[in-house]
Amino acid sequence: MSRLAAMGPLVLEITMNSKRDLEGLQGTWKLVSATQDGKALPDDEVKKSTIVIKDDAFHFPGLAEDATSRSGTIKLDATKRPKHMDTISTEKEVMLGIYELESDSYKVCFAPAGKPRPSEFASKPGSGHVLQVWERKKKQ
């Protein structure tokens, strides 16, 4: 038996769990809170931030002045603890993060590009980490 064939069930589990989470992220989300490098983003900035996720792509419509990138792709690994989310911007900048998904909300914590993945949902001064909480935008 080949080594790849023996890994088949594991590969399938990674793919299915990650696909399920990616499906759960589809839609438009509004930012509820954000902290970068230990400092909270002002409420007026939070209120005007939205993200749209379609398939494995994301983009920030509107202003999104504080977005790390205006658009790109998402790669998930739902088998890790905490779960891994990597974003690749259209400029090919890779940010390593972690995420936790609920039915209508999710939180993420990203390290600055080129830095190691965060191990906890925290943005301490000096870390450069970005911690965000998002809620699904209700259809009107």
Protein backbone atom coordinates (compact mmCIF):
# COMPACT_ATOMS: atom_id res chain seq x y z
CA MET A 1 0.00 0.00 0.00
CA SER A 2 1.39 3.37 -0.91
CA ARG A 3 1.97 5.95 1.78
CA LEU A 4 -0.49 8.32 0.09
CA ALA A 5 -3.23 5.67 0.05
CA ALA A 6 -2.69 5.06 3.77
CA MET A 7 -3.15 8.80 4.38
CA GLY A 8 -6.40 8.89 2.35
CA PRO A 9 -8.83 9.12 5.29
CA LEU A 10 -6.77 11.88 6.93
CA VAL A 11 -6.61 13.91 3.73
CA LEU A 12 -10.37 13.43 3.28
CA GLU A 13 -11.03 14.60 6.87
CA ILE A 14 -8.91 17.75 6.40
CA THR A 15 -10.65 18.52 3.12
CA MET A 16 -14.20 17.91 4.41
CA ASN A 17 -13.78 19.85 7.68
CA SER A 18 -12.12 22.78 5.94
CA LYS A 19 -14.72 22.77 3.16
CA ARG A 20 -17.54 22.81 5.72
CA ASP A 21 -16.00 25.82 7.47
CA LEU A 22 -15.37 27.60 4.17
CA GLU A 23 -19.05 27.11 3.30
CA GLY A 24 -19.94 28.57 6.72
CA LEU A 25 -17.90 31.69 5.97
CA GLN A 26 -19.72 32.50 2.73
CA GLY A 27 -21.48 35.87 2.65
CA THR A 28 -21.12 39.40 3.92
CA TRP A 29 -19.81 40.09 7.42
CA LYS A 30 -19.63 43.24 9.51
CA LEU A 31 -16.80 43.95 11.91
CA VAL A 32 -17.85 44.00 15.59
CA SER A 33 -14.47 44.65 17.21
CA ALA A 34 -10.82 44.83 16.24
CA THR A 35 -7.56 45.16 18.12
CA GLN A 36 -4.15 45.59 16.53
CA ASP A 37 -0.94 45.42 18.50
CA GLY A 38 -2.91 45.76 21.74
CA LYS A 39 -4.87 48.84 20.63
CA ALA A 40 -8.61 48.80 19.91
CA LEU A 41 -9.75 50.11 16.55
CA PRO A 42 -12.05 53.14 17.02
CA ASP A 43 -15.78 52.35 16.91
CA ASP A 44 -16.40 54.57 13.86
CA GLU A 45 -13.80 52.57 11.90
CA VAL A 46 -15.26 49.27 13.11
CA LYS A 47 -18.81 50.22 12.09
CA LYS A 48 -17.85 50.94 8.47
CA SER A 49 -15.83 47.74 7.93
CA THR A 50 -17.33 44.81 6.03
CA ILE A 51 -15.86 41.78 4.30
CA VAL A 52 -17.40 39.64 1.57
CA ILE A 53 -16.36 36.00 1.24
CA LYS A 54 -17.29 34.10 -1.93
CA ASP A 55 -15.83 30.66 -2.59
CA ASP A 56 -12.22 30.95 -1.36
CA ALA A 57 -11.94 34.68 -2.17
CA PHE A 58 -12.41 37.70 0.07
CA HIS A 59 -12.69 41.41 -0.55
CA PHE A 60 -13.34 44.49 1.53
CA PRO A 61 -15.89 46.72 -0.22
CA GLY A 62 -15.97 50.42 0.56
CA LEU A 63 -13.30 52.20 2.52
CA ALA A 64 -11.54 49.41 4.42
CA GLU A 65 -8.65 51.75 5.21
CA ASP A 66 -7.43 49.48 7.99
CA ALA A 67 -7.63 46.28 5.94
CA THR A 68 -4.36 44.42 5.62
CA SER A 69 -5.28 43.81 1.98
CA ARG A 70 -8.35 44.80 -0.04
CA SER A 71 -8.76 41.34 -1.61
CA GLY A 72 -7.25 37.89 -1.90
CA THR A 73 -7.88 34.23 -1.12
CA ILE A 74 -8.38 32.20 2.04
CA LYS A 75 -6.95 28.79 2.89
CA LEU A 76 -8.33 26.89 5.90
CA ASP A 77 -7.18 23.89 7.92
CA ALA A 78 -10.04 23.01 10.27
CA THR A 79 -8.21 20.02 11.77
CA LYS A 80 -5.65 22.15 13.64
CA ARG A 81 -6.28 23.44 17.17
CA PRO A 82 -6.81 26.31 17.05
CA LYS A 83 -8.03 26.14 13.45
CA HIS A 84 -5.73 27.75 10.85
CA MET A 85 -6.69 30.46 8.36
CA ASP A 86 -4.15 31.81 5.91
CA THR A 87 -4.86 34.75 3.64
CA ILE A 88 -2.99 35.42 0.42
CA SER A 89 -3.49 38.96 -0.88
CA THR A 90 -3.65 39.83 -4.54
CA GLU A 91 -0.14 41.24 -3.96
CA LYS A 92 0.92 37.69 -2.84
CA GLU A 93 1.38 38.75 0.80
CA VAL A 94 0.69 35.78 3.11
CA MET A 95 -0.70 36.25 6.61
CA LEU A 96 -0.94 33.30 8.99
CA GLY A 97 -3.84 33.24 11.39
CA ILE A 98 -6.20 31.24 13.54
CA TYR A 99 -9.99 31.28 13.54
CA GLU A 100 -13.06 30.13 15.40
CA LEU A 101 -16.38 29.91 13.54
CA GLU A 102 -19.91 29.97 14.99
CA SER A 103 -23.08 29.98 12.90
CA ASP A 104 -23.35 33.78 12.59
CA SER A 105 -20.02 35.01 13.91
CA TYR A 106 -16.34 34.27 13.69
CA LYS A 107 -13.15 35.56 15.23
CA VAL A 108 -9.70 35.62 13.71
CA CYS A 109 -6.24 36.51 14.88
CA PHE A 110 -3.51 37.18 12.33
CA ALA A 111 0.23 37.72 12.67
CA PRO A 112 1.90 40.35 10.50
CA ALA A 113 3.10 39.05 7.13
CA GLY A 114 6.27 37.00 7.50
CA LYS A 115 5.75 36.36 11.23
CA PRO A 116 4.78 33.06 12.94
CA ARG A 117 1.12 32.12 13.33
CA PRO A 118 -0.54 33.26 16.60
CA SER A 119 -1.21 30.49 19.11
CA GLU A 120 -4.01 32.29 20.97
CA PHE A 121 -6.79 34.78 20.28
CA ALA A 122 -4.99 37.84 21.66
CA SER A 123 -3.45 41.06 20.39
CA LYS A 124 -0.89 42.12 22.97
CA PRO A 125 1.19 45.29 22.65
CA GLY A 126 4.31 44.60 20.63
CA SER A 127 2.91 41.43 19.03
CA GLY A 128 1.66 43.09 15.85
CA HIS A 129 -1.27 40.65 15.96
CA VAL A 130 -4.67 41.68 14.61
CA LEU A 131 -7.66 40.26 16.51
CA GLN A 132 -11.09 40.70 14.90
CA VAL A 133 -14.64 39.60 15.66
CA TRP A 134 -17.12 39.52 12.77
CA GLU A 135 -20.90 39.00 12.61
CA ARG A 136 -22.89 37.86 9.62
CA LYS A 137 -24.69 40.80 8.01
CA LYS A 138 -28.44 40.20 8.12
CA LYS A 139 -30.24 40.25 4.78
CA GLN A 140 -32.54 43.26 4.48
